[in-house]
C-alpha atoms as a PDB file:
ATOM      1  CA  MET A   1    -165.394-174.797 -57.754  1.00  0.00           C
ATOM      2  CA  ASN A   2    -168.003-175.034 -54.994  1.00  0.00           C
ATOM      3  CA  ASP A   3    -171.534-176.382 -55.768  1.00  0.00           C
ATOM      4  CA  SER A   4    -174.674-174.378 -55.474  1.00  0.00           C
ATOM      5  CA  PHE A   5    -175.396-175.694 -52.001  1.00  0.00           C
ATOM      6  CA  ILE A   6    -172.141-174.342 -50.566  1.00  0.00           C
ATOM      7  CA  THR A   7    -172.704-171.063 -52.440  1.00  0.00           C
ATOM      8  CA  ALA A   8    -176.082-170.700 -50.926  1.00  0.00           C
ATOM      9  CA  LEU A   9    -174.771-171.425 -47.421  1.00  0.00           C
ATOM     10  CA  ASN A  10    -171.982-168.854 -47.776  1.00  0.00           C
ATOM     11  CA  THR A  11    -174.450-166.206 -48.960  1.00  0.00           C
ATOM     12  CA  GLN A  12    -176.844-166.963 -46.206  1.00  0.00           C
ATOM     13  CA  VAL A  13    -174.131-166.478 -43.486  1.00  0.00           C
ATOM     14  CA  ALA A  14    -173.051-163.188 -45.034  1.00  0.00           C
ATOM     15  CA  THR A  15    -176.599-161.977 -45.330  1.00  0.00           C
ATOM     16  CA  VAL A  16    -177.205-162.681 -41.587  1.00  0.00           C
ATOM     17  CA  ASN A  17    -174.178-160.552 -40.804  1.00  0.00           C
ATOM     18  CA  TRP A  18    -175.424-157.761 -42.972  1.00  0.00           C
ATOM     19  CA  MET A  19    -178.913-157.836 -41.449  1.00  0.00           C
ATOM     20  CA  ASP A  20    -177.366-157.630 -37.935  1.00  0.00           C
ATOM     21  CA  ALA A  21    -175.359-154.527 -39.009  1.00  0.00           C
ATOM     22  CA  ILE A  22    -178.534-152.889 -40.440  1.00  0.00           C
ATOM     23  CA  ALA A  23    -180.425-153.640 -37.253  1.00  0.00           C
ATOM     24  CA  HIS A  24    -177.613-152.105 -35.217  1.00  0.00           C
ATOM     25  CA  ASN A  25    -177.691-149.074 -37.339  1.00  0.00           C
ATOM     26  CA  MET A  26    -181.424-148.490 -37.114  1.00  0.00           C
ATOM     27  CA  THR A  27    -181.358-149.091 -33.369  1.00  0.00           C
ATOM     28  CA  ASN A  28    -178.868-146.155 -33.045  1.00  0.00           C
ATOM     29  CA  ILE A  29    -180.487-143.670 -35.380  1.00  0.00           C
ATOM     30  CA  TYR A  30    -180.908-141.220 -32.467  1.00  0.00           C
ATOM     31  CA  THR A  31    -177.785-142.072 -30.587  1.00  0.00           C
ATOM     32  CA  PRO A  32    -175.368-138.945 -30.455  1.00  0.00           C
ATOM     33  CA  GLY A  33    -172.051-139.532 -32.074  1.00  0.00           C
ATOM     34  CA  PHE A  34    -172.992-143.000 -33.476  1.00  0.00           C
ATOM     35  CA  ARG A  35    -171.135-143.965 -36.759  1.00  0.00           C
ATOM     36  CA  GLU A  36    -173.188-146.063 -39.229  1.00  0.00           C
ATOM     37  CA  GLU A  37    -171.652-149.467 -39.680  1.00  0.00           C
ATOM     38  CA  GLN A  38    -171.364-150.612 -43.318  1.00  0.00           C
ATOM     39  CA  VAL A  39    -170.691-154.104 -44.508  1.00  0.00           C
ATOM     40  CA  ASN A  40    -168.403-154.729 -47.513  1.00  0.00           C
ATOM     41  CA  PHE A  41    -168.747-157.749 -49.684  1.00  0.00           C
ATOM     42  CA  LYS A  42    -166.507-159.605 -51.980  1.00  0.00           C
ATOM     43  CA  THR A  43    -167.897-162.136 -54.395  1.00  0.00           C
ATOM     44  CA  PHE A  44    -166.269-165.301 -55.620  1.00  0.00           C
ATOM     45  CA  LEU A  45    -167.187-168.734 -56.852  1.00  0.00           C
ATOM     46  CA  GLY A  46    -168.184-169.721 -53.322  1.00  0.00           C
ATOM     47  CA  GLY A  47    -170.793-167.073 -53.044  1.00  0.00           C
ATOM     48  CA  ALA A  48    -171.016-163.625 -51.313  1.00  0.00           C
ATOM     49  CA  ILE A  49    -168.606-163.236 -48.306  1.00  0.00           C
ATOM     50  CA  ALA A  50    -168.778-160.353 -45.850  1.00  0.00           C
ATOM     51  CA  ASP A  51    -165.410-158.613 -46.253  1.00  0.00           C
ATOM     52  CA  GLY A  52    -165.150-156.692 -42.970  1.00  0.00           C
ATOM     53  CA  TYR A  53    -166.954-153.612 -41.624  1.00  0.00           C
ATOM     54  CA  ASP A  54    -166.313-149.887 -42.119  1.00  0.00           C
ATOM     55  CA  ASN A  55    -167.795-146.956 -40.359  1.00  0.00           C
ATOM     56  CA  LYS A  56    -169.545-144.313 -42.406  1.00  0.00           C
ATOM     57  CA  THR A  57    -167.565-141.144 -42.104  1.00  0.00           C
ATOM     58  CA  SER A  58    -170.076-138.488 -43.176  1.00  0.00           C
ATOM     59  CA  GLN A  59    -171.305-135.948 -40.652  1.00  0.00           C
ATOM     60  CA  GLY A  60    -174.512-136.284 -38.570  1.00  0.00           C
ATOM     61  CA  LYS A  61    -176.835-133.405 -37.723  1.00  0.00           C
ATOM     62  CA  SER A  62    -176.361-131.128 -34.722  1.00  0.00           C
ATOM     63  CA  THR A  63    -178.527-131.153 -31.700  1.00  0.00           C
ATOM     64  CA  PRO A  64    -178.575-128.935 -28.496  1.00  0.00           C
ATOM     65  CA  GLY A  65    -176.195-130.361 -25.847  1.00  0.00           C
ATOM     66  CA  LEU A  66    -176.739-130.731 -22.093  1.00  0.00           C
ATOM     67  CA  ASP A  67    -173.812-128.482 -21.097  1.00  0.00           C
ATOM     68  CA  PRO A  68    -172.290-125.353 -22.591  1.00  0.00           C
ATOM     69  CA  ALA A  69    -168.922-127.129 -22.771  1.00  0.00           C
ATOM     70  CA  ASN A  70    -170.390-129.754 -25.182  1.00  0.00           C
ATOM     71  CA  LEU A  71    -168.872-129.499 -28.639  1.00  0.00           C
ATOM     72  CA  PHE A  72    -169.988-130.130 -32.209  1.00  0.00           C
ATOM     73  CA  LEU A  73    -167.344-130.614 -34.951  1.00  0.00           C
ATOM     74  CA  GLU A  74    -168.578-129.439 -38.269  1.00  0.00           C
ATOM     75  CA  GLY A  75    -166.300-130.820 -40.909  1.00  0.00           C
ATOM     76  CA  LYS A  76    -163.740-133.600 -41.182  1.00  0.00           C
ATOM     77  CA  GLY A  77    -161.913-134.882 -38.150  1.00  0.00           C
ATOM     78  CA  PHE A  78    -162.185-136.216 -34.613  1.00  0.00           C
ATOM     79  CA  PHE A  79    -161.681-134.904 -31.149  1.00  0.00           C
ATOM     80  CA  LEU A  80    -158.569-136.240 -29.445  1.00  0.00           C
ATOM     81  CA  THR A  81    -158.973-137.663 -25.949  1.00  0.00           C
ATOM     82  CA  LYS A  82    -156.775-139.732 -23.702  1.00  0.00           C
ATOM     83  CA  ASN A  83    -157.389-142.245 -21.002  1.00  0.00           C
ATOM     84  CA  ALA A  84    -155.679-142.485 -17.615  1.00  0.00           C
ATOM     85  CA  GLU A  85    -152.710-144.442 -19.188  1.00  0.00           C
ATOM     86  CA  GLY A  86    -152.163-141.797 -21.868  1.00  0.00           C
ATOM     87  CA  LYS A  87    -153.595-143.832 -24.792  1.00  0.00           C
ATOM     88  CA  SER A  88    -155.219-141.808 -27.569  1.00  0.00           C
ATOM     89  CA  PHE A  89    -158.782-142.287 -28.533  1.00  0.00           C
ATOM     90  CA  TYR A  90    -160.642-140.421 -31.259  1.00  0.00           C
ATOM     91  CA  SER A  91    -164.382-139.457 -31.255  1.00  0.00           C
ATOM     92  CA  ARG A  92    -166.981-137.352 -32.968  1.00  0.00           C
ATOM     93  CA  LEU A  93    -169.019-137.176 -29.857  1.00  0.00           C
ATOM     94  CA  GLY A  94    -168.183-133.959 -27.944  1.00  0.00           C
ATOM     95  CA  ASP A  95    -170.057-134.754 -24.733  1.00  0.00           C
ATOM     96  CA  PHE A  96    -167.418-132.789 -22.736  1.00  0.00           C
ATOM     97  CA  GLN A  97    -167.747-130.989 -19.509  1.00  0.00           C
ATOM     98  CA  PHE A  98    -165.420-129.501 -16.777  1.00  0.00           C
ATOM     99  CA  ASP A  99    -165.230-131.635 -13.618  1.00  0.00           C
ATOM    100  CA  ASP A 100    -164.973-130.384 -10.036  1.00  0.00           C
ATOM    101  CA  GLU A 101    -161.241-129.927 -10.515  1.00  0.00           C
ATOM    102  CA  GLY A 102    -161.657-127.978 -13.745  1.00  0.00           C
ATOM    103  CA  VAL A 103    -160.412-130.812 -15.960  1.00  0.00           C
ATOM    104  CA  TYR A 104    -162.082-130.972 -19.365  1.00  0.00           C
ATOM    105  CA  ARG A 105    -163.406-134.500 -19.711  1.00  0.00           C
ATOM    106  CA  ALA A 106    -165.487-136.709 -22.036  1.00  0.00           C
ATOM    107  CA  LYS A 107    -168.476-138.445 -20.352  1.00  0.00           C
ATOM    108  CA  ASN A 108    -166.448-141.679 -20.245  1.00  0.00           C
ATOM    109  CA  GLY A 109    -163.799-139.993 -18.157  1.00  0.00           C
ATOM    110  CA  ASN A 110    -161.116-139.492 -20.836  1.00  0.00           C
ATOM    111  CA  THR A 111    -159.410-136.131 -20.819  1.00  0.00           C
ATOM    112  CA  VAL A 112    -159.926-133.778 -23.762  1.00  0.00           C
ATOM    113  CA  GLN A 113    -156.654-132.775 -25.327  1.00  0.00           C
ATOM    114  CA  GLY A 114    -155.591-129.281 -26.432  1.00  0.00           C
ATOM    115  CA  TYR A 115    -152.709-126.936 -27.110  1.00  0.00           C
ATOM    116  CA  ILE A 116    -151.462-124.265 -24.710  1.00  0.00           C
ATOM    117  CA  LEU A 117    -151.682-120.774 -26.320  1.00  0.00           C
ATOM    118  CA  ASN A 118    -149.822-117.496 -25.711  1.00  0.00           C
ATOM    119  CA  ASP A 119    -151.495-114.140 -25.453  1.00  0.00           C
ATOM    120  CA  LYS A 120    -151.570-113.931 -29.227  1.00  0.00           C
ATOM    121  CA  GLY A 121    -153.548-117.112 -29.584  1.00  0.00           C
ATOM    122  CA  GLU A 122    -150.521-118.963 -31.082  1.00  0.00           C
ATOM    123  CA  ILE A 123    -149.840-122.578 -30.190  1.00  0.00           C
ATOM    124  CA  MET A 124    -146.882-123.006 -27.901  1.00  0.00           C
ATOM    125  CA  GLN A 125    -144.368-125.767 -28.531  1.00  0.00           C
ATOM    126  CA  GLY A 126    -142.144-125.465 -25.483  1.00  0.00           C
ATOM    127  CA  THR A 127    -140.814-121.851 -25.537  1.00  0.00           C
ATOM    128  CA  LYS A 128    -141.531-121.363 -29.264  1.00  0.00           C
ATOM    129  CA  SER A 129    -144.834-120.368 -30.827  1.00  0.00           C
ATOM    130  CA  ILE A 130    -146.468-121.849 -33.930  1.00  0.00           C
ATOM    131  CA  SER A 131    -148.325-119.268 -36.015  1.00  0.00           C
ATOM    132  CA  ALA A 132    -152.070-119.675 -36.644  1.00  0.00           C
ATOM    133  CA  ASP A 133    -151.345-119.349 -40.459  1.00  0.00           C
ATOM    134  CA  LEU A 134    -148.856-122.250 -40.430  1.00  0.00           C
ATOM    135  CA  TYR A 135    -151.224-124.404 -38.451  1.00  0.00           C
ATOM    136  CA  GLN A 136    -154.219-123.719 -40.847  1.00  0.00           C
ATOM    137  CA  GLU A 137    -152.041-124.229 -43.933  1.00  0.00           C
ATOM    138  CA  THR A 138    -150.782-127.523 -42.630  1.00  0.00           C
ATOM    139  CA  ALA A 139    -154.304-128.655 -41.727  1.00  0.00           C
ATOM    140  CA  PHE A 140    -155.792-127.869 -45.130  1.00  0.00           C
ATOM    141  CA  LYS A 141    -152.986-129.726 -46.857  1.00  0.00           C
ATOM    142  CA  GLY A 142    -153.657-132.802 -44.739  1.00  0.00           C
ATOM    143  CA  GLY A 143    -150.424-132.642 -42.855  1.00  0.00           C
ATOM    144  CA  SER A 144    -149.409-132.969 -39.213  1.00  0.00           C
ATOM    145  CA  LEU A 145    -147.485-130.710 -36.970  1.00  0.00           C
ATOM    146  CA  ASP A 146    -145.702-132.760 -34.249  1.00  0.00           C
ATOM    147  CA  ILE A 147    -146.793-130.716 -31.271  1.00  0.00           C
ATOM    148  CA  PRO A 148    -147.446-132.323 -27.834  1.00  0.00           C
ATOM    149  CA  THR A 149    -150.935-131.941 -26.550  1.00  0.00           C
ATOM    150  CA  THR A 150    -152.005-131.311 -22.932  1.00  0.00           C
ATOM    151  CA  THR A 151    -154.965-131.960 -20.756  1.00  0.00           C
ATOM    152  CA  ILE A 152    -157.180-128.873 -20.730  1.00  0.00           C
ATOM    153  CA  LYS A 153    -157.797-127.665 -17.178  1.00  0.00           C
ATOM    154  CA  LEU A 154    -159.667-124.562 -16.021  1.00  0.00           C
ATOM    155  CA  TRP A 155    -159.374-125.039 -12.297  1.00  0.00           C
ATOM    156  CA  ILE A 156    -161.540-122.812 -10.061  1.00  0.00           C
ATOM    157  CA  ASP A 157    -159.844-120.881  -7.297  1.00  0.00           C
ATOM    158  CA  PRO A 158    -161.713-121.871  -4.113  1.00  0.00           C
ATOM    159  CA  HIS A 159    -160.922-118.405  -2.648  1.00  0.00           C
ATOM    160  CA  ASN A 160    -162.604-116.294  -5.255  1.00  0.00           C
ATOM    161  CA  GLY A 161    -164.574-118.817  -7.411  1.00  0.00           C
ATOM    162  CA  LYS A 162    -162.869-117.689 -10.586  1.00  0.00           C
ATOM    163  CA  PHE A 163    -161.444-119.795 -13.475  1.00  0.00           C
ATOM    164  CA  LEU A 164    -157.641-119.974 -13.031  1.00  0.00           C
ATOM    165  CA  GLY A 165    -158.028-117.501 -10.248  1.00  0.00           C
ATOM    166  CA  LYS A 166    -158.693-114.528 -12.486  1.00  0.00           C
ATOM    167  CA  TYR A 167    -161.297-115.287 -15.130  1.00  0.00           C
ATOM    168  CA  ASP A 168    -165.111-114.850 -14.522  1.00  0.00           C
ATOM    169  CA  ASP A 169    -166.119-117.000 -17.396  1.00  0.00           C
ATOM    170  CA  TYR A 170    -164.899-118.866 -20.469  1.00  0.00           C
ATOM    171  CA  GLU A 171    -165.884-119.063 -24.128  1.00  0.00           C
ATOM    172  CA  ILE A 172    -165.177-121.561 -26.837  1.00  0.00           C
ATOM    173  CA  LYS A 173    -164.868-120.175 -30.369  1.00  0.00           C
ATOM    174  CA  GLY A 174    -165.253-121.723 -33.799  1.00  0.00           C
ATOM    175  CA  ASP A 175    -161.576-122.596 -34.156  1.00  0.00           C
ATOM    176  CA  GLY A 176    -161.646-124.493 -30.865  1.00  0.00           C
ATOM    177  CA  THR A 177    -159.974-121.697 -28.858  1.00  0.00           C
ATOM    178  CA  ILE A 178    -160.992-121.532 -25.248  1.00  0.00           C
ATOM    179  CA  TYR A 179    -160.855-117.911 -24.003  1.00  0.00           C
ATOM    180  CA  GLY A 180    -160.800-116.714 -20.455  1.00  0.00           C
ATOM    181  CA  LYS A 181    -163.112-113.694 -19.879  1.00  0.00           C
ATOM    182  CA  ALA A 182    -162.716-111.077 -17.071  1.00  0.00           C
ATOM    183  CA  ASP A 183    -163.864-107.510 -16.339  1.00  0.00           C
ATOM    184  CA  ASN A 184    -167.330-108.218 -17.552  1.00  0.00           C
ATOM    185  CA  GLY A 185    -166.139-109.439 -20.888  1.00  0.00           C
ATOM    186  CA  LYS A 186    -163.799-106.468 -21.573  1.00  0.00           C
ATOM    187  CA  ARG A 187    -160.731-108.684 -21.135  1.00  0.00           C
ATOM    188  CA  VAL A 188    -160.626-111.802 -23.346  1.00  0.00           C
ATOM    189  CA  VAL A 189    -157.485-113.996 -23.193  1.00  0.00           C
ATOM    190  CA  PRO A 190    -156.763-117.156 -25.360  1.00  0.00           C
ATOM    191  CA  LEU A 191    -155.851-120.115 -23.102  1.00  0.00           C
ATOM    192  CA  TYR A 192    -156.157-123.385 -24.998  1.00  0.00           C
ATOM    193  CA  ARG A 193    -157.127-124.794 -28.401  1.00  0.00           C
ATOM    194  CA  VAL A 194    -159.181-127.977 -28.532  1.00  0.00           C
ATOM    195  CA  THR A 195    -157.109-130.598 -30.537  1.00  0.00           C
ATOM    196  CA  THR A 196    -158.765-132.168 -33.611  1.00  0.00           C
ATOM    197  CA  ARG A 197    -157.287-134.990 -35.734  1.00  0.00           C
ATOM    198  CA  ASN A 198    -158.156-136.455 -39.081  1.00  0.00           C
ATOM    199  CA  PHE A 199    -157.116-139.562 -41.098  1.00  0.00           C
ATOM    200  CA  HIS A 200    -156.589-140.119 -44.747  1.00  0.00           C
ATOM    201  CA  ASN A 201    -158.614-143.344 -44.375  1.00  0.00           C
ATOM    202  CA  ALA A 202    -160.931-142.589 -41.460  1.00  0.00           C
ATOM    203  CA  ALA A 203    -163.282-145.373 -42.322  1.00  0.00           C
ATOM    204  CA  ALA A 204    -160.520-147.868 -41.332  1.00  0.00           C
ATOM    205  CA  LEU A 205    -160.331-146.663 -37.699  1.00  0.00           C
ATOM    206  CA  PHE A 206    -161.109-149.484 -35.232  1.00  0.00           C
ATOM    207  CA  GLU A 207    -164.077-148.894 -32.872  1.00  0.00           C
ATOM    208  CA  VAL A 208    -163.012-150.273 -29.462  1.00  0.00           C
ATOM    209  CA  LYS A 209    -166.130-148.942 -27.665  1.00  0.00           C
ATOM    210  CA  PRO A 210    -169.216-147.168 -28.938  1.00  0.00           C
ATOM    211  CA  GLY A 211    -168.005-143.863 -30.442  1.00  0.00           C
ATOM    212  CA  GLN A 212    -164.388-144.375 -29.384  1.00  0.00           C
ATOM    213  CA  PHE A 213    -161.829-145.182 -32.127  1.00  0.00           C
ATOM    214  CA  ILE A 214    -158.135-145.904 -32.369  1.00  0.00           C
ATOM    215  CA  GLU A 215    -155.863-145.720 -35.310  1.00  0.00           C
ATOM    216  CA  THR A 216    -154.922-148.655 -37.421  1.00  0.00           C
ATOM    217  CA  GLU A 217    -152.360-149.499 -40.040  1.00  0.00           C
ATOM    218  CA  GLU A 218    -155.073-149.048 -42.720  1.00  0.00           C
ATOM    219  CA  SER A 219    -156.273-145.630 -41.340  1.00  0.00           C
ATOM    220  CA  GLY A 220    -152.799-144.279 -41.336  1.00  0.00           C
ATOM    221  CA  LYS A 221    -151.196-141.831 -38.817  1.00  0.00           C
ATOM    222  CA  PRO A 222    -153.417-138.888 -37.667  1.00  0.00           C
ATOM    223  CA  VAL A 223    -153.102-135.456 -39.333  1.00  0.00           C
ATOM    224  CA  LEU A 224    -154.523-132.195 -38.322  1.00  0.00           C
ATOM    225  CA  GLY A 225    -158.349-131.965 -38.324  1.00  0.00           C
ATOM    226  CA  VAL A 226    -160.209-129.351 -40.407  1.00  0.00           C
ATOM    227  CA  GLY A 227    -163.554-128.005 -39.303  1.00  0.00           C
ATOM    228  CA  GLU A 228    -165.436-125.530 -37.189  1.00  0.00           C
ATOM    229  CA  ILE A 229    -166.212-126.215 -33.588  1.00  0.00           C
ATOM    230  CA  ARG A 230    -169.564-125.054 -32.119  1.00  0.00           C
ATOM    231  CA  ALA A 231    -169.989-125.085 -28.352  1.00  0.00           C
ATOM    232  CA  GLY A 232    -173.179-126.195 -26.674  1.00  0.00           C
ATOM    233  CA  LEU A 233    -174.168-128.684 -29.394  1.00  0.00           C
ATOM    234  CA  LEU A 234    -173.620-132.381 -30.049  1.00  0.00           C
ATOM    235  CA  GLU A 235    -173.490-134.446 -33.217  1.00  0.00           C
ATOM    236  CA  MET A 236    -176.318-136.883 -33.845  1.00  0.00           C
ATOM    237  CA  SER A 237    -175.951-140.293 -35.522  1.00  0.00           C
ATOM    238  CA  ASN A 238    -175.015-140.304 -39.110  1.00  0.00           C
ATOM    239  CA  ALA A 239    -177.060-143.402 -39.846  1.00  0.00           C
ATOM    240  CA  ASP A 240    -179.464-142.997 -42.766  1.00  0.00           C
ATOM    241  CA  PHE A 241    -182.798-144.370 -41.866  1.00  0.00           C
ATOM    242  CA  LYS A 242    -184.204-144.553 -45.505  1.00  0.00           C
ATOM    243  CA  ALA A 243    -180.998-146.034 -46.819  1.00  0.00           C
ATOM    244  CA  ASN A 244    -180.881-148.756 -44.125  1.00  0.00           C
ATOM    245  CA  ILE A 245    -184.553-149.560 -44.882  1.00  0.00           C
ATOM    246  CA  SER A 246    -183.519-150.115 -48.580  1.00  0.00           C
ATOM    247  CA  TYR A 247    -180.558-152.208 -47.449  1.00  0.00           C
ATOM    248  CA  PHE A 248    -182.809-154.290 -45.345  1.00  0.00           C
ATOM    249  CA  GLN A 249    -185.149-154.995 -48.280  1.00  0.00           C
ATOM    250  CA  MET A 250    -182.214-156.062 -50.414  1.00  0.00           C
ATOM    251  CA  ALA A 251    -180.879-158.214 -47.595  1.00  0.00           C
ATOM    252  CA  LYS A 252    -184.321-159.849 -47.171  1.00  0.00           C
ATOM    253  CA  LEU A 253    -184.508-160.629 -50.896  1.00  0.00           C
ATOM    254  CA  GLN A 254    -181.010-162.063 -50.813  1.00  0.00           C
ATOM    255  CA  MET A 255    -181.932-164.215 -47.860  1.00  0.00           C
ATOM    256  CA  GLU A 256    -185.081-165.525 -49.512  1.00  0.00           C
ATOM    257  CA  ILE A 257    -183.054-166.549 -52.628  1.00  0.00           C
ATOM    258  CA  SER A 258    -180.469-168.380 -50.483  1.00  0.00           C
ATOM    259  CA  ASN A 259    -183.099-170.187 -48.488  1.00  0.00           C
ATOM    260  CA  LYS A 260    -184.823-171.202 -51.790  1.00  0.00           C
ATOM    261  CA  LEU A 261    -181.505-172.507 -53.191  1.00  0.00           C
ATOM    262  CA  ILE A 262    -180.868-174.488 -49.973  1.00  0.00           C
ATOM    263  CA  SER A 263    -184.342-175.907 -50.139  1.00  0.00           C
ATOM    264  CA  SER A 264    -184.084-176.862 -53.741  1.00  0.00           C
ATOM    265  CA  ASN A 265    -180.699-178.555 -53.156  1.00  0.00           C
ATOM    266  CA  LYS A 266    -182.221-180.429 -50.240  1.00  0.00           C
ATOM    267  CA  ASP A 267    -185.074-181.670 -52.424  1.00  0.00           C
ATOM    268  CA  LEU A 268    -182.649-182.725 -55.139  1.00  0.00           C
ATOM    269  CA  LEU A 269    -180.494-184.649 -52.680  1.00  0.00           C
ATOM    270  CA  GLU A 270    -183.575-186.474 -51.198  1.00  0.00           C
ATOM    271  CA  GLU A 271    -184.677-187.370 -54.768  1.00  0.00           C
ATOM    272  CA  ALA A 272    -181.201-188.651 -55.643  1.00  0.00           C
ATOM    273  CA  LEU A 273    -181.085-190.828 -52.475  1.00  0.00           C
ATOM    274  CA  ARG A 274    -184.565-192.254 -53.221  1.00  0.00           C
ATOM    275  CA  LEU A 275    -183.525-193.246 -56.744  1.00  0.00           C
ATOM    276  CA  VAL A 276    -180.387-194.803 -55.458  1.00  0.00           C
ATOM    277  CA  GLY A 277    -182.274-196.794 -52.936  1.00  0.00           C
ATOM    278  CA  GLN A 278    -184.665-198.310 -55.566  1.00  0.00           C
END
């Protein structure tokens, strides 16, 4: 069993980590797509020890984006993007736009993933189609359809300036379907569906860069995401300002108690040494 001095030191170190996480959250209150960092504690005879960090999974508020291709996911899940090496990254921040070659990309350069659709709006798996009903049923049950995704590309024909050579414009609907529009909107054709993924333990995803997550053993394998997609919007931070103020007050009190215990133990040790020296 550790003495009170060791207990106070352990608690002091854990509290410093807690206060750092709180400061990080409050600094990013207005950062789009930011996930609040939460510190977990375990308590034993040696005092409070920080037991890792989780990301708060609740949804942030929406805010107008800077591009009509920006996306806001209302509900559970993450957008699926891939880097140049094909590695999957998951994000709530839909700061997407089409580049000069028509490739749909995140601001960091990762490509946004989607499914190719047929004229009926059904997902194509090779030469076979997957009905929308089956997809939705699987998503709501928290399952996963093993369907390869593809990079979304709406290249612009240099000869006529049209998307894919025949569409005047595009529109992104609530289910993530990207439609090509022609003949002044009289002809609307489904082209892609933006891929979303969810996890049974999303809080255990590992954040490799701000707003970019990868799966872990604790998070489990990705399943289909469930939620409505809104174009032209972005998700704000989900950090709760009032809650973090309360956490800071608790951390401050915990630090004061730890410091007092350390100070008291120091005084006791000095007194003991004085008595021994007499």
